[in-house]
Amino acid sequence: MGRCPFVLERYYRELLNFCLRKVRDRDTAADLAQESYARVLGMQRAGKVIDQPAALLKQVALNAKIDLDRRAQLRQHEDIDALDETQQPASPHRLQPEAAYASSQTVQAYLATIEALPPRCREAFCMYLFDELSNQQIAERMGVSISMVNQYISRGKIACAARKQELDHGD
């Protein structure tokens, strides 16, 4: 194909007929052919050497048709509000009222556990858990040793593990 984009013009009629066989609509076929040319010209301008332009144009046209079909499929969805209540898809379990309530209760239990930690321990554990700071960063901010930060974090983890066990066993 060389470097001259005008060489592509000789394949236009063949590509248009190919696209027309695929979509059976002259306007859509013309759009696919144009899209294919634009993509191949983009490849060529990017420096790609194209040895078999006819084959590449057809492959690009097939890919463009797949993209077109996907977009059409997305647009053909039914209006969910128009569906009968029994036909509407169920929301995920985590969004069901009971699951959402249980989840919020679990979160509240963990937060209460963290709040019950001694102040310096809570401060270090929160920086570790929520701010995602390293133990070194926490030590620098708090003005304590890394081993002290390790103790604080361990204490917070142990408290949360105990709470998890209580929640799991319904104690």
N, C-alpha and C. Protein backbone atom coordinates (compact mmCIF):
# COMPACT_ATOMS: atom_id res chain seq x y z
N MET A 1 0.83 -1.18 0.00
CA MET A 1 0.00 0.00 0.00
C MET A 1 0.87 1.23 0.00
N GLY A 2 2.05 1.17 0.55
CA GLY A 2 2.93 2.33 0.52
C GLY A 2 2.51 3.37 1.53
N ARG A 3 2.99 4.58 1.34
CA ARG A 3 2.73 5.66 2.28
C ARG A 3 1.64 6.61 1.78
N CYS A 4 1.21 6.48 0.57
CA CYS A 4 0.25 7.42 0.01
C CYS A 4 -1.18 7.00 0.34
N PRO A 5 -1.94 7.80 1.10
CA PRO A 5 -3.28 7.42 1.49
C PRO A 5 -4.24 7.34 0.30
N PHE A 6 -3.92 7.98 -0.81
CA PHE A 6 -4.83 7.98 -1.94
C PHE A 6 -4.95 6.61 -2.61
N VAL A 7 -4.00 5.73 -2.33
CA VAL A 7 -4.06 4.38 -2.88
C VAL A 7 -5.28 3.66 -2.35
N LEU A 8 -5.74 4.03 -1.16
CA LEU A 8 -6.91 3.40 -0.57
C LEU A 8 -8.16 3.59 -1.43
N GLU A 9 -8.21 4.66 -2.18
CA GLU A 9 -9.41 4.97 -2.95
C GLU A 9 -9.81 3.85 -3.90
N ARG A 10 -8.84 3.10 -4.41
CA ARG A 10 -9.18 2.05 -5.36
C ARG A 10 -9.97 0.92 -4.73
N TYR A 11 -9.96 0.83 -3.39
CA TYR A 11 -10.68 -0.24 -2.69
C TYR A 11 -12.08 0.18 -2.23
N TYR A 12 -12.44 1.42 -2.47
CA TYR A 12 -13.69 1.94 -1.90
C TYR A 12 -14.91 1.15 -2.38
N ARG A 13 -15.05 0.96 -3.69
CA ARG A 13 -16.24 0.29 -4.23
C ARG A 13 -16.34 -1.14 -3.68
N GLU A 14 -15.21 -1.84 -3.63
CA GLU A 14 -15.19 -3.20 -3.10
C GLU A 14 -15.58 -3.21 -1.62
N LEU A 15 -15.06 -2.25 -0.86
CA LEU A 15 -15.38 -2.16 0.56
C LEU A 15 -16.84 -1.81 0.78
N LEU A 16 -17.35 -0.88 -0.01
CA LEU A 16 -18.75 -0.49 0.11
C LEU A 16 -19.67 -1.68 -0.16
N ASN A 17 -19.37 -2.45 -1.19
CA ASN A 17 -20.18 -3.64 -1.49
C ASN A 17 -20.08 -4.67 -0.36
N PHE A 18 -18.89 -4.84 0.19
CA PHE A 18 -18.68 -5.75 1.31
C PHE A 18 -19.54 -5.32 2.50
N CYS A 19 -19.51 -4.04 2.81
CA CYS A 19 -20.30 -3.51 3.93
C CYS A 19 -21.80 -3.66 3.66
N LEU A 20 -22.19 -3.42 2.43
CA LEU A 20 -23.61 -3.53 2.06
C LEU A 20 -24.10 -4.96 2.26
N ARG A 21 -23.28 -5.95 1.96
CA ARG A 21 -23.66 -7.35 2.18
C ARG A 21 -23.80 -7.64 3.68
N LYS A 22 -23.02 -6.96 4.48
CA LYS A 22 -23.05 -7.21 5.93
C LYS A 22 -24.24 -6.56 6.63
N VAL A 23 -24.62 -5.35 6.18
CA VAL A 23 -25.66 -4.62 6.91
C VAL A 23 -26.96 -4.45 6.14
N ARG A 24 -26.94 -4.65 4.83
CA ARG A 24 -28.14 -4.57 3.98
C ARG A 24 -28.85 -3.21 4.06
N ASP A 25 -28.06 -2.18 4.25
CA ASP A 25 -28.60 -0.82 4.26
C ASP A 25 -27.52 0.10 3.68
N ARG A 26 -27.85 0.79 2.59
CA ARG A 26 -26.86 1.58 1.87
C ARG A 26 -26.24 2.67 2.74
N ASP A 27 -27.05 3.39 3.51
CA ASP A 27 -26.50 4.47 4.35
C ASP A 27 -25.57 3.92 5.44
N THR A 28 -25.99 2.84 6.09
CA THR A 28 -25.17 2.24 7.13
C THR A 28 -23.87 1.69 6.53
N ALA A 29 -23.99 1.08 5.33
CA ALA A 29 -22.81 0.55 4.65
C ALA A 29 -21.83 1.68 4.34
N ALA A 30 -22.35 2.81 3.87
CA ALA A 30 -21.49 3.95 3.56
C ALA A 30 -20.82 4.47 4.83
N ASP A 31 -21.57 4.50 5.94
CA ASP A 31 -20.98 4.93 7.22
C ASP A 31 -19.87 3.98 7.66
N LEU A 32 -20.10 2.66 7.53
CA LEU A 32 -19.08 1.69 7.91
C LEU A 32 -17.83 1.83 7.04
N ALA A 33 -18.04 2.03 5.75
CA ALA A 33 -16.90 2.19 4.83
C ALA A 33 -16.11 3.44 5.22
N GLN A 34 -16.81 4.52 5.49
CA GLN A 34 -16.12 5.76 5.87
C GLN A 34 -15.37 5.58 7.18
N GLU A 35 -16.00 4.93 8.14
CA GLU A 35 -15.35 4.68 9.43
C GLU A 35 -14.11 3.82 9.24
N SER A 36 -14.22 2.82 8.38
CA SER A 36 -13.08 1.93 8.10
C SER A 36 -11.92 2.71 7.50
N TYR A 37 -12.23 3.55 6.53
CA TYR A 37 -11.19 4.37 5.91
C TYR A 37 -10.53 5.29 6.93
N ALA A 38 -11.34 5.88 7.79
CA ALA A 38 -10.79 6.80 8.79
C ALA A 38 -9.83 6.05 9.74
N ARG A 39 -10.24 4.86 10.15
CA ARG A 39 -9.40 4.09 11.07
C ARG A 39 -8.09 3.65 10.39
N VAL A 40 -8.20 3.19 9.16
CA VAL A 40 -7.00 2.73 8.45
C VAL A 40 -6.07 3.90 8.15
N LEU A 41 -6.64 5.04 7.76
CA LEU A 41 -5.81 6.22 7.54
C LEU A 41 -5.11 6.64 8.82
N GLY A 42 -5.81 6.52 9.94
CA GLY A 42 -5.20 6.82 11.24
C GLY A 42 -4.02 5.90 11.52
N MET A 43 -4.19 4.62 11.19
CA MET A 43 -3.09 3.67 11.38
C MET A 43 -1.91 4.05 10.50
N GLN A 44 -2.24 4.40 9.26
CA GLN A 44 -1.19 4.75 8.30
C GLN A 44 -0.44 6.01 8.74
N ARG A 45 -1.18 7.01 9.22
CA ARG A 45 -0.54 8.25 9.69
C ARG A 45 0.32 8.01 10.92
N ALA A 46 -0.05 6.98 11.69
CA ALA A 46 0.73 6.65 12.88
C ALA A 46 2.00 5.89 12.52
N GLY A 47 2.18 5.63 11.21
CA GLY A 47 3.42 5.00 10.77
C GLY A 47 3.32 3.53 10.49
N LYS A 48 2.14 2.93 10.62
CA LYS A 48 1.99 1.50 10.36
C LYS A 48 2.04 1.26 8.85
N VAL A 49 2.86 0.31 8.44
CA VAL A 49 2.94 -0.07 7.03
C VAL A 49 1.86 -1.10 6.78
N ILE A 50 1.03 -0.84 5.79
CA ILE A 50 -0.11 -1.71 5.50
C ILE A 50 0.17 -2.47 4.22
N ASP A 51 0.37 -3.79 4.36
CA ASP A 51 0.74 -4.62 3.22
C ASP A 51 -0.48 -5.07 2.41
N GLN A 52 -1.58 -5.36 3.08
CA GLN A 52 -2.78 -5.86 2.40
C GLN A 52 -3.95 -4.94 2.73
N PRO A 53 -4.06 -3.83 2.03
CA PRO A 53 -5.08 -2.84 2.38
C PRO A 53 -6.50 -3.36 2.25
N ALA A 54 -6.82 -4.14 1.24
CA ALA A 54 -8.19 -4.64 1.06
C ALA A 54 -8.60 -5.50 2.25
N ALA A 55 -7.72 -6.40 2.65
CA ALA A 55 -8.02 -7.28 3.78
C ALA A 55 -8.15 -6.48 5.07
N LEU A 56 -7.26 -5.51 5.27
CA LEU A 56 -7.32 -4.70 6.48
C LEU A 56 -8.60 -3.87 6.52
N LEU A 57 -8.97 -3.27 5.39
CA LEU A 57 -10.19 -2.48 5.35
C LEU A 57 -11.41 -3.33 5.69
N LYS A 58 -11.46 -4.56 5.18
CA LYS A 58 -12.60 -5.45 5.50
C LYS A 58 -12.61 -5.83 6.97
N GLN A 59 -11.44 -6.12 7.52
CA GLN A 59 -11.36 -6.47 8.93
C GLN A 59 -11.78 -5.29 9.81
N VAL A 60 -11.33 -4.13 9.46
CA VAL A 60 -11.70 -2.93 10.23
C VAL A 60 -13.20 -2.68 10.09
N ALA A 61 -13.75 -2.92 8.90
CA ALA A 61 -15.19 -2.75 8.69
C ALA A 61 -15.98 -3.73 9.56
N LEU A 62 -15.50 -4.97 9.66
CA LEU A 62 -16.17 -5.95 10.52
C LEU A 62 -16.12 -5.50 11.98
N ASN A 63 -14.98 -5.00 12.41
CA ASN A 63 -14.87 -4.49 13.79
C ASN A 63 -15.80 -3.30 14.01
N ALA A 64 -15.88 -2.42 13.02
CA ALA A 64 -16.77 -1.26 13.13
C ALA A 64 -18.22 -1.72 13.19
N LYS A 65 -18.57 -2.77 12.45
CA LYS A 65 -19.94 -3.31 12.49
C LYS A 65 -20.24 -3.88 13.87
N ILE A 66 -19.27 -4.58 14.45
CA ILE A 66 -19.46 -5.12 15.80
C ILE A 66 -19.71 -3.98 16.79
N ASP A 67 -18.93 -2.91 16.67
CA ASP A 67 -19.14 -1.74 17.53
C ASP A 67 -20.53 -1.15 17.33
N LEU A 68 -20.95 -1.06 16.08
CA LEU A 68 -22.27 -0.53 15.74
C LEU A 68 -23.37 -1.40 16.34
N ASP A 69 -23.22 -2.72 16.21
CA ASP A 69 -24.20 -3.65 16.77
C ASP A 69 -24.29 -3.53 18.29
N ARG A 70 -23.15 -3.37 18.93
CA ARG A 70 -23.15 -3.23 20.39
C ARG A 70 -23.88 -1.96 20.82
N ARG A 71 -23.61 -0.87 20.11
CA ARG A 71 -24.29 0.39 20.45
C ARG A 71 -25.79 0.26 20.22
N ALA A 72 -26.18 -0.40 19.15
CA ALA A 72 -27.61 -0.59 18.85
C ALA A 72 -28.26 -1.45 19.92
N GLN A 73 -27.55 -2.46 20.37
CA GLN A 73 -28.09 -3.35 21.40
C GLN A 73 -28.32 -2.59 22.70
N LEU A 74 -27.41 -1.70 23.04
CA LEU A 74 -27.57 -0.91 24.25
C LEU A 74 -28.78 0.02 24.17
N ARG A 75 -29.02 0.54 22.96
CA ARG A 75 -30.15 1.46 22.79
C ARG A 75 -31.50 0.74 22.78
N GLN A 76 -31.51 -0.59 22.56
CA GLN A 76 -32.77 -1.31 22.42
C GLN A 76 -33.33 -1.82 23.74
N HIS A 77 -32.75 -1.43 24.86
CA HIS A 77 -33.26 -1.90 26.13
C HIS A 77 -34.64 -1.32 26.39
N GLU A 78 -35.42 -2.08 27.15
CA GLU A 78 -36.75 -1.61 27.48
C GLU A 78 -36.68 -0.58 28.60
N ASP A 79 -37.67 0.27 28.65
CA ASP A 79 -37.76 1.23 29.74
C ASP A 79 -38.14 0.46 30.99
N ILE A 80 -37.26 0.43 31.96
CA ILE A 80 -37.47 -0.38 33.16
C ILE A 80 -38.71 0.05 33.94
N ASP A 81 -39.04 1.33 33.88
CA ASP A 81 -40.22 1.81 34.59
C ASP A 81 -41.51 1.33 33.95
N ALA A 82 -41.45 0.97 32.66
CA ALA A 82 -42.64 0.49 31.96
C ALA A 82 -42.92 -0.98 32.25
N LEU A 83 -41.97 -1.68 32.83
CA LEU A 83 -42.16 -3.10 33.12
C LEU A 83 -43.07 -3.29 34.33
N ASP A 84 -43.82 -4.38 34.31
CA ASP A 84 -44.63 -4.77 35.45
C ASP A 84 -43.68 -5.03 36.62
N GLU A 85 -44.15 -4.81 37.84
CA GLU A 85 -43.28 -4.96 39.01
C GLU A 85 -42.67 -6.35 39.10
N THR A 86 -43.41 -7.39 38.69
CA THR A 86 -42.89 -8.75 38.75
C THR A 86 -41.80 -9.00 37.72
N GLN A 87 -41.76 -8.18 36.66
CA GLN A 87 -40.76 -8.36 35.60
C GLN A 87 -39.50 -7.54 35.84
N GLN A 88 -39.55 -6.61 36.77
CA GLN A 88 -38.39 -5.76 37.03
C GLN A 88 -37.30 -6.57 37.69
N PRO A 89 -36.07 -6.35 37.28
CA PRO A 89 -34.97 -7.11 37.89
C PRO A 89 -34.81 -6.74 39.35
N ALA A 90 -34.46 -7.73 40.14
CA ALA A 90 -34.23 -7.48 41.57
C ALA A 90 -32.91 -6.75 41.74
N SER A 91 -32.86 -5.89 42.72
CA SER A 91 -31.60 -5.22 42.99
C SER A 91 -30.66 -6.22 43.66
N PRO A 92 -29.38 -5.97 43.59
CA PRO A 92 -28.43 -6.89 44.22
C PRO A 92 -28.74 -7.05 45.70
N HIS A 93 -28.37 -8.20 46.25
CA HIS A 93 -28.67 -8.50 47.65
C HIS A 93 -28.19 -7.40 48.59
N ARG A 94 -27.00 -6.85 48.31
CA ARG A 94 -26.45 -5.84 49.20
C ARG A 94 -27.27 -4.57 49.23
N LEU A 95 -28.17 -4.39 48.22
CA LEU A 95 -29.01 -3.20 48.18
C LEU A 95 -30.42 -3.46 48.71
N GLN A 96 -30.72 -4.71 49.06
CA GLN A 96 -32.01 -5.03 49.65
C GLN A 96 -32.06 -4.39 51.04
N PRO A 97 -33.23 -3.93 51.46
CA PRO A 97 -33.31 -3.21 52.74
C PRO A 97 -32.72 -3.97 53.93
N GLU A 98 -33.01 -5.26 54.03
CA GLU A 98 -32.52 -6.03 55.17
C GLU A 98 -30.99 -6.13 55.15
N ALA A 99 -30.44 -6.38 53.96
CA ALA A 99 -28.98 -6.50 53.84
C ALA A 99 -28.31 -5.16 54.09
N ALA A 100 -28.90 -4.09 53.59
CA ALA A 100 -28.33 -2.76 53.80
C ALA A 100 -28.35 -2.41 55.28
N TYR A 101 -29.45 -2.75 55.96
CA TYR A 101 -29.55 -2.47 57.39
C TYR A 101 -28.51 -3.28 58.17
N ALA A 102 -28.38 -4.57 57.84
CA ALA A 102 -27.42 -5.43 58.53
C ALA A 102 -26.01 -4.91 58.29
N SER A 103 -25.74 -4.48 57.08
CA SER A 103 -24.42 -3.95 56.77
C SER A 103 -24.14 -2.69 57.56
N SER A 104 -25.12 -1.80 57.65
CA SER A 104 -24.91 -0.56 58.40
C SER A 104 -24.74 -0.86 59.89
N GLN A 105 -25.43 -1.88 60.38
CA GLN A 105 -25.28 -2.27 61.78
C GLN A 105 -23.87 -2.81 62.03
N THR A 106 -23.34 -3.57 61.07
CA THR A 106 -21.98 -4.11 61.19
C THR A 106 -20.97 -2.98 61.21
N VAL A 107 -21.14 -2.04 60.29
CA VAL A 107 -20.24 -0.89 60.24
C VAL A 107 -20.28 -0.12 61.56
N GLN A 108 -21.49 0.09 62.07
CA GLN A 108 -21.63 0.81 63.35
C GLN A 108 -20.94 0.06 64.49
N ALA A 109 -21.03 -1.27 64.47
CA ALA A 109 -20.38 -2.07 65.51
C ALA A 109 -18.86 -1.91 65.45
N TYR A 110 -18.31 -1.94 64.22
CA TYR A 110 -16.85 -1.76 64.08
C TYR A 110 -16.43 -0.35 64.50
N LEU A 111 -17.21 0.64 64.10
CA LEU A 111 -16.87 2.01 64.49
C LEU A 111 -16.92 2.18 66.00
N ALA A 112 -17.90 1.56 66.65
CA ALA A 112 -17.98 1.63 68.12
C ALA A 112 -16.77 0.96 68.75
N THR A 113 -16.32 -0.14 68.15
CA THR A 113 -15.13 -0.83 68.65
C THR A 113 -13.92 0.07 68.55
N ILE A 114 -13.77 0.73 67.42
CA ILE A 114 -12.63 1.64 67.22
C ILE A 114 -12.72 2.83 68.17
N GLU A 115 -13.93 3.36 68.35
CA GLU A 115 -14.12 4.49 69.27
C GLU A 115 -13.77 4.12 70.70
N ALA A 116 -13.95 2.85 71.05
CA ALA A 116 -13.69 2.41 72.43
C ALA A 116 -12.20 2.22 72.71
N LEU A 117 -11.36 2.27 71.68
CA LEU A 117 -9.92 2.14 71.89
C LEU A 117 -9.39 3.37 72.66
N PRO A 118 -8.30 3.21 73.40
CA PRO A 118 -7.69 4.38 74.06
C PRO A 118 -7.34 5.44 72.99
N PRO A 119 -7.37 6.71 73.33
CA PRO A 119 -7.21 7.79 72.35
C PRO A 119 -5.99 7.67 71.43
N ARG A 120 -4.80 7.43 71.97
CA ARG A 120 -3.60 7.35 71.12
C ARG A 120 -3.64 6.12 70.23
N CYS A 121 -4.15 5.03 70.76
CA CYS A 121 -4.29 3.79 69.99
C CYS A 121 -5.29 4.02 68.86
N ARG A 122 -6.41 4.64 69.18
CA ARG A 122 -7.45 4.94 68.17
C ARG A 122 -6.88 5.85 67.07
N GLU A 123 -6.11 6.86 67.49
CA GLU A 123 -5.53 7.79 66.53
C GLU A 123 -4.61 7.05 65.55
N ALA A 124 -3.73 6.21 66.07
CA ALA A 124 -2.80 5.46 65.21
C ALA A 124 -3.56 4.48 64.32
N PHE A 125 -4.52 3.77 64.91
CA PHE A 125 -5.27 2.77 64.15
C PHE A 125 -6.08 3.43 63.03
N CYS A 126 -6.66 4.58 63.28
CA CYS A 126 -7.43 5.29 62.25
C CYS A 126 -6.52 5.77 61.12
N MET A 127 -5.33 6.26 61.47
CA MET A 127 -4.39 6.68 60.42
C MET A 127 -3.98 5.49 59.56
N TYR A 128 -3.83 4.34 60.21
CA TYR A 128 -3.44 3.13 59.50
C TYR A 128 -4.60 2.64 58.62
N LEU A 129 -5.78 2.56 59.20
CA LEU A 129 -6.93 1.96 58.53
C LEU A 129 -7.58 2.88 57.50
N PHE A 130 -7.83 4.11 57.88
CA PHE A 130 -8.59 5.00 57.01
C PHE A 130 -7.71 5.90 56.14
N ASP A 131 -6.61 6.36 56.68
CA ASP A 131 -5.72 7.24 55.91
C ASP A 131 -4.67 6.45 55.13
N GLU A 132 -4.58 5.14 55.43
CA GLU A 132 -3.64 4.24 54.76
C GLU A 132 -2.19 4.73 54.83
N LEU A 133 -1.83 5.27 55.98
CA LEU A 133 -0.46 5.73 56.19
C LEU A 133 0.41 4.54 56.61
N SER A 134 1.69 4.63 56.28
CA SER A 134 2.63 3.59 56.70
C SER A 134 2.90 3.76 58.19
N ASN A 135 3.41 2.70 58.79
CA ASN A 135 3.73 2.78 60.22
C ASN A 135 4.77 3.87 60.48
N GLN A 136 5.69 4.02 59.56
CA GLN A 136 6.72 5.07 59.68
C GLN A 136 6.07 6.46 59.69
N GLN A 137 5.14 6.69 58.77
CA GLN A 137 4.46 7.99 58.69
C GLN A 137 3.65 8.26 59.96
N ILE A 138 2.99 7.22 60.45
CA ILE A 138 2.20 7.37 61.68
C ILE A 138 3.12 7.73 62.85
N ALA A 139 4.23 7.02 62.94
CA ALA A 139 5.19 7.29 64.02
C ALA A 139 5.68 8.73 63.96
N GLU A 140 6.00 9.21 62.76
CA GLU A 140 6.47 10.59 62.61
C GLU A 140 5.40 11.59 63.00
N ARG A 141 4.16 11.36 62.58
CA ARG A 141 3.07 12.30 62.90
C ARG A 141 2.75 12.33 64.39
N MET A 142 2.83 11.15 65.01
CA MET A 142 2.47 11.07 66.42
C MET A 142 3.65 11.33 67.36
N GLY A 143 4.86 11.33 66.81
CA GLY A 143 6.04 11.53 67.65
C GLY A 143 6.33 10.37 68.56
N VAL A 144 6.07 9.15 68.08
CA VAL A 144 6.34 7.94 68.85
C VAL A 144 7.19 6.99 68.01
N SER A 145 7.64 5.92 68.62
CA SER A 145 8.46 4.94 67.90
C SER A 145 7.59 4.06 67.01
N ILE A 146 8.24 3.44 66.04
CA ILE A 146 7.51 2.52 65.16
C ILE A 146 6.99 1.33 65.96
N SER A 147 7.76 0.87 66.93
CA SER A 147 7.28 -0.27 67.74
C SER A 147 6.02 0.09 68.51
N MET A 148 5.92 1.33 68.96
CA MET A 148 4.70 1.78 69.65
C MET A 148 3.53 1.79 68.67
N VAL A 149 3.77 2.29 67.44
CA VAL A 149 2.73 2.29 66.41
C VAL A 149 2.29 0.85 66.13
N ASN A 150 3.25 -0.07 66.04
CA ASN A 150 2.92 -1.48 65.81
C ASN A 150 2.01 -2.02 66.92
N GLN A 151 2.29 -1.62 68.16
CA GLN A 151 1.46 -2.07 69.28
C GLN A 151 0.05 -1.50 69.17
N TYR A 152 -0.04 -0.22 68.84
CA TYR A 152 -1.36 0.42 68.69
C TYR A 152 -2.18 -0.28 67.60
N ILE A 153 -1.53 -0.51 66.46
CA ILE A 153 -2.24 -1.13 65.34
C ILE A 153 -2.65 -2.56 65.69
N SER A 154 -1.77 -3.29 66.33
CA SER A 154 -2.09 -4.66 66.74
C SER A 154 -3.29 -4.67 67.69
N ARG A 155 -3.30 -3.74 68.62
CA ARG A 155 -4.41 -3.66 69.57
C ARG A 155 -5.72 -3.37 68.85
N GLY A 156 -5.69 -2.47 67.86
CA GLY A 156 -6.88 -2.17 67.08
C GLY A 156 -7.36 -3.37 66.27
N LYS A 157 -6.41 -4.09 65.68
CA LYS A 157 -6.76 -5.29 64.90
C LYS A 157 -7.37 -6.37 65.79
N ILE A 158 -6.79 -6.54 66.97
CA ILE A 158 -7.31 -7.55 67.91
C ILE A 158 -8.73 -7.20 68.34
N ALA A 159 -8.96 -5.92 68.62
CA ALA A 159 -10.30 -5.48 69.03
C ALA A 159 -11.32 -5.71 67.90
N CYS A 160 -10.93 -5.40 66.68
CA CYS A 160 -11.84 -5.60 65.55
C CYS A 160 -12.07 -7.08 65.27
N ALA A 161 -11.03 -7.90 65.43
CA ALA A 161 -11.19 -9.35 65.25
C ALA A 161 -12.15 -9.92 66.29
N ALA A 162 -12.04 -9.44 67.53
CA ALA A 162 -12.95 -9.90 68.58
C ALA A 162 -14.38 -9.49 68.25
N ARG A 163 -14.56 -8.27 67.74
CA ARG A 163 -15.91 -7.80 67.35
C ARG A 163 -16.45 -8.65 66.21
N LYS A 164 -15.59 -8.98 65.26
CA LYS A 164 -16.01 -9.82 64.13
C LYS A 164 -16.50 -11.17 64.64
N GLN A 165 -15.76 -11.74 65.57
CA GLN A 165 -16.15 -13.03 66.12
C GLN A 165 -17.50 -12.92 66.82
N GLU A 166 -17.72 -11.85 67.56
CA GLU A 166 -19.00 -11.64 68.22
C GLU A 166 -20.12 -11.53 67.20
N LEU A 167 -19.88 -10.77 66.13
CA LEU A 167 -20.90 -10.59 65.10
C LEU A 167 -21.19 -11.89 64.37
N ASP A 168 -20.15 -12.67 64.09
CA ASP A 168 -20.32 -13.94 63.39
C ASP A 168 -21.09 -14.97 64.20
N HIS A 169 -20.91 -14.91 65.52
CA HIS A 169 -21.55 -15.92 66.38
C HIS A 169 -22.79 -15.38 67.08
N GLY A 170 -23.18 -14.16 66.78
CA GLY A 170 -24.39 -13.58 67.32
C GLY A 170 -24.36 -13.36 68.81
N ASP A 171 -23.17 -13.17 69.36
CA ASP A 171 -23.06 -12.96 70.82
C ASP A 171 -23.49 -11.58 71.20
